Amino acid sequence: MKQVLLDCDVLLDVLLKRQPFVLDSAQVLDAVATVKIEGYLAGHAVTNIYYILRRQFMQNCHSRSHPRQSGLA
């Protein structure tokens, strides 16, 4: 079985639905889930994924609680 070291962007593409990469990344993760390949992550990828997801979540929360008002500088 082929062993593949996955970049954290593969997971982030799927988790954040980032276009245009989400479909290709989902296919890679599906291959891992169906045991067609063995997928691995570097140890530092876990903390990078956490940091990026948390930052994105915080930005989304901030933008929802402070909507921009049109016409104001």
N, C-alpha and C. Protein backbone atom coordinates (compact mmCIF):
# COMPACT_ATOMS: atom_id res chain seq x y z
N MET A 1 0.85 -1.18 0.00
CA MET A 1 0.00 0.00 0.00
C MET A 1 0.90 1.24 0.00
N LYS A 2 0.48 2.22 -0.78
CA LYS A 2 1.23 3.46 -0.89
C LYS A 2 1.07 4.30 0.38
N GLN A 3 2.19 4.82 0.88
CA GLN A 3 2.18 5.69 2.05
C GLN A 3 2.40 7.12 1.58
N VAL A 4 1.55 8.04 2.08
CA VAL A 4 1.57 9.42 1.62
C VAL A 4 1.64 10.36 2.82
N LEU A 5 2.56 11.31 2.78
CA LEU A 5 2.64 12.35 3.79
C LEU A 5 1.78 13.51 3.31
N LEU A 6 0.70 13.77 4.04
CA LEU A 6 -0.24 14.80 3.64
C LEU A 6 0.17 16.16 4.17
N ASP A 7 0.07 17.14 3.33
CA ASP A 7 0.26 18.52 3.75
C ASP A 7 -0.98 18.96 4.51
N CYS A 8 -0.80 19.82 5.49
CA CYS A 8 -1.96 20.26 6.28
C CYS A 8 -2.98 20.99 5.41
N ASP A 9 -2.58 21.53 4.28
CA ASP A 9 -3.51 22.21 3.39
C ASP A 9 -4.57 21.27 2.83
N VAL A 10 -4.25 20.00 2.71
CA VAL A 10 -5.24 19.03 2.22
C VAL A 10 -6.43 18.98 3.18
N LEU A 11 -6.14 18.89 4.46
CA LEU A 11 -7.22 18.88 5.45
C LEU A 11 -7.92 20.22 5.53
N LEU A 12 -7.15 21.29 5.49
CA LEU A 12 -7.75 22.63 5.58
C LEU A 12 -8.65 22.91 4.38
N ASP A 13 -8.26 22.45 3.21
CA ASP A 13 -9.10 22.65 2.02
C ASP A 13 -10.49 22.07 2.24
N VAL A 14 -10.54 20.89 2.83
CA VAL A 14 -11.82 20.22 3.05
C VAL A 14 -12.57 20.87 4.22
N LEU A 15 -11.88 21.06 5.33
CA LEU A 15 -12.54 21.61 6.52
C LEU A 15 -13.08 23.02 6.31
N LEU A 16 -12.35 23.82 5.51
CA LEU A 16 -12.76 25.20 5.27
C LEU A 16 -13.44 25.38 3.91
N LYS A 17 -13.61 24.26 3.20
CA LYS A 17 -14.25 24.27 1.87
C LYS A 17 -13.61 25.30 0.95
N ARG A 18 -12.28 25.26 0.90
CA ARG A 18 -11.53 26.24 0.10
C ARG A 18 -11.54 25.83 -1.37
N GLN A 19 -11.99 26.75 -2.17
CA GLN A 19 -12.02 26.55 -3.62
C GLN A 19 -10.70 27.04 -4.22
N PRO A 20 -10.23 26.47 -5.26
CA PRO A 20 -10.79 25.38 -6.07
C PRO A 20 -10.28 24.01 -5.64
N PHE A 21 -9.69 23.89 -4.45
CA PHE A 21 -8.98 22.68 -4.06
C PHE A 21 -9.80 21.66 -3.30
N VAL A 22 -10.98 22.03 -2.85
CA VAL A 22 -11.75 21.17 -1.95
C VAL A 22 -12.06 19.81 -2.56
N LEU A 23 -12.40 19.74 -3.82
CA LEU A 23 -12.76 18.45 -4.43
C LEU A 23 -11.56 17.51 -4.54
N ASP A 24 -10.43 18.04 -4.98
CA ASP A 24 -9.22 17.20 -5.08
C ASP A 24 -8.77 16.73 -3.71
N SER A 25 -8.79 17.62 -2.74
CA SER A 25 -8.38 17.26 -1.38
C SER A 25 -9.33 16.23 -0.78
N ALA A 26 -10.62 16.38 -1.04
CA ALA A 26 -11.60 15.41 -0.54
C ALA A 26 -11.36 14.03 -1.14
N GLN A 27 -10.94 13.97 -2.39
CA GLN A 27 -10.64 12.69 -3.02
C GLN A 27 -9.44 12.02 -2.35
N VAL A 28 -8.45 12.82 -1.98
CA VAL A 28 -7.28 12.27 -1.29
C VAL A 28 -7.70 11.72 0.07
N LEU A 29 -8.49 12.48 0.82
CA LEU A 29 -8.94 12.01 2.13
C LEU A 29 -9.85 10.79 2.01
N ASP A 30 -10.64 10.72 0.95
CA ASP A 30 -11.48 9.56 0.72
C ASP A 30 -10.61 8.32 0.46
N ALA A 31 -9.52 8.50 -0.26
CA ALA A 31 -8.61 7.38 -0.52
C ALA A 31 -8.00 6.86 0.78
N VAL A 32 -7.73 7.77 1.70
CA VAL A 32 -7.23 7.36 3.01
C VAL A 32 -8.33 6.64 3.80
N ALA A 33 -9.53 7.20 3.80
CA ALA A 33 -10.64 6.64 4.56
C ALA A 33 -11.04 5.25 4.06
N THR A 34 -10.89 5.02 2.78
CA THR A 34 -11.25 3.72 2.20
C THR A 34 -10.04 2.78 2.10
N VAL A 35 -8.97 3.15 2.75
CA VAL A 35 -7.75 2.37 2.88
C VAL A 35 -7.12 2.02 1.52
N LYS A 36 -7.22 2.94 0.58
CA LYS A 36 -6.53 2.77 -0.70
C LYS A 36 -5.09 3.24 -0.57
N ILE A 37 -4.86 4.20 0.31
CA ILE A 37 -3.52 4.68 0.63
C ILE A 37 -3.44 4.89 2.14
N GLU A 38 -2.21 4.92 2.66
CA GLU A 38 -1.99 5.25 4.07
C GLU A 38 -1.59 6.71 4.14
N GLY A 39 -2.38 7.50 4.84
CA GLY A 39 -2.09 8.92 4.95
C GLY A 39 -1.48 9.26 6.29
N TYR A 40 -0.47 10.11 6.27
CA TYR A 40 0.22 10.54 7.47
C TYR A 40 0.30 12.07 7.49
N LEU A 41 0.35 12.61 8.71
CA LEU A 41 0.57 14.05 8.91
C LEU A 41 1.83 14.23 9.72
N ALA A 42 2.57 15.27 9.41
CA ALA A 42 3.71 15.63 10.25
C ALA A 42 3.17 16.13 11.58
N GLY A 43 3.93 15.96 12.64
CA GLY A 43 3.50 16.37 13.96
C GLY A 43 3.11 17.84 14.05
N HIS A 44 3.88 18.69 13.38
CA HIS A 44 3.60 20.13 13.45
C HIS A 44 2.33 20.50 12.69
N ALA A 45 1.85 19.63 11.83
CA ALA A 45 0.64 19.93 11.06
C ALA A 45 -0.58 20.05 11.97
N VAL A 46 -0.61 19.27 13.02
CA VAL A 46 -1.76 19.29 13.93
C VAL A 46 -1.89 20.67 14.57
N THR A 47 -0.80 21.23 15.06
CA THR A 47 -0.86 22.56 15.67
C THR A 47 -1.14 23.64 14.63
N ASN A 48 -0.60 23.48 13.43
CA ASN A 48 -0.88 24.45 12.36
C ASN A 48 -2.36 24.44 11.99
N ILE A 49 -2.95 23.26 11.88
CA ILE A 49 -4.37 23.15 11.54
C ILE A 49 -5.21 23.78 12.64
N TYR A 50 -4.88 23.49 13.89
CA TYR A 50 -5.61 24.09 15.01
C TYR A 50 -5.54 25.61 14.96
N TYR A 51 -4.33 26.15 14.76
CA TYR A 51 -4.14 27.60 14.73
C TYR A 51 -4.97 28.24 13.62
N ILE A 52 -4.92 27.67 12.43
CA ILE A 52 -5.61 28.25 11.28
C ILE A 52 -7.12 28.14 11.44
N LEU A 53 -7.61 26.99 11.91
CA LEU A 53 -9.05 26.84 12.13
C LEU A 53 -9.55 27.79 13.22
N ARG A 54 -8.78 27.93 14.28
CA ARG A 54 -9.18 28.83 15.37
C ARG A 54 -9.20 30.27 14.88
N ARG A 55 -8.19 30.67 14.12
CA ARG A 55 -8.14 32.04 13.59
C ARG A 55 -9.32 32.30 12.67
N GLN A 56 -9.65 31.34 11.81
CA GLN A 56 -10.78 31.48 10.90
C GLN A 56 -12.09 31.58 11.69
N PHE A 57 -12.24 30.74 12.70
CA PHE A 57 -13.44 30.76 13.53
C PHE A 57 -13.58 32.11 14.23
N MET A 58 -12.49 32.61 14.78
CA MET A 58 -12.54 33.90 15.48
C MET A 58 -12.88 35.04 14.52
N GLN A 59 -12.35 35.01 13.31
CA GLN A 59 -12.67 36.04 12.32
C GLN A 59 -14.15 35.98 11.97
N ASN A 60 -14.68 34.77 11.81
CA ASN A 60 -16.10 34.62 11.49
C ASN A 60 -16.98 35.13 12.63
N CYS A 61 -16.61 34.81 13.85
CA CYS A 61 -17.38 35.29 15.02
C CYS A 61 -17.31 36.81 15.11
N HIS A 62 -16.15 37.36 14.89
CA HIS A 62 -15.98 38.82 14.97
C HIS A 62 -16.80 39.52 13.90
N SER A 63 -16.79 39.00 12.69
CA SER A 63 -17.52 39.65 11.60
C SER A 63 -19.03 39.56 11.81
N ARG A 64 -19.50 38.50 12.49
CA ARG A 64 -20.93 38.37 12.77
C ARG A 64 -21.37 39.29 13.89
N SER A 65 -20.49 39.50 14.86
CA SER A 65 -20.89 40.35 15.99
C SER A 65 -20.67 41.82 15.73
N HIS A 66 -19.89 42.18 14.71
CA HIS A 66 -19.63 43.57 14.35
C HIS A 66 -19.83 43.77 12.86
N PRO A 67 -21.04 43.69 12.38
CA PRO A 67 -21.26 43.87 10.93
C PRO A 67 -20.88 45.28 10.50
N ARG A 68 -20.31 45.37 9.35
CA ARG A 68 -19.94 46.70 8.82
C ARG A 68 -21.18 47.45 8.41
N GLN A 69 -21.17 48.72 8.70
CA GLN A 69 -22.29 49.56 8.31
C GLN A 69 -21.88 50.32 7.07
N SER A 70 -22.66 50.18 6.03
CA SER A 70 -22.32 50.84 4.77
C SER A 70 -22.42 52.35 4.93
N GLY A 71 -21.52 53.04 4.27
CA GLY A 71 -21.53 54.50 4.28
C GLY A 71 -20.74 55.12 5.41
N LEU A 72 -20.22 54.33 6.34
CA LEU A 72 -19.44 54.87 7.43
C LEU A 72 -17.98 54.51 7.23
N ALA A 73 -17.12 55.46 7.52
CA ALA A 73 -15.69 55.22 7.35
C ALA A 73 -15.08 54.65 8.61
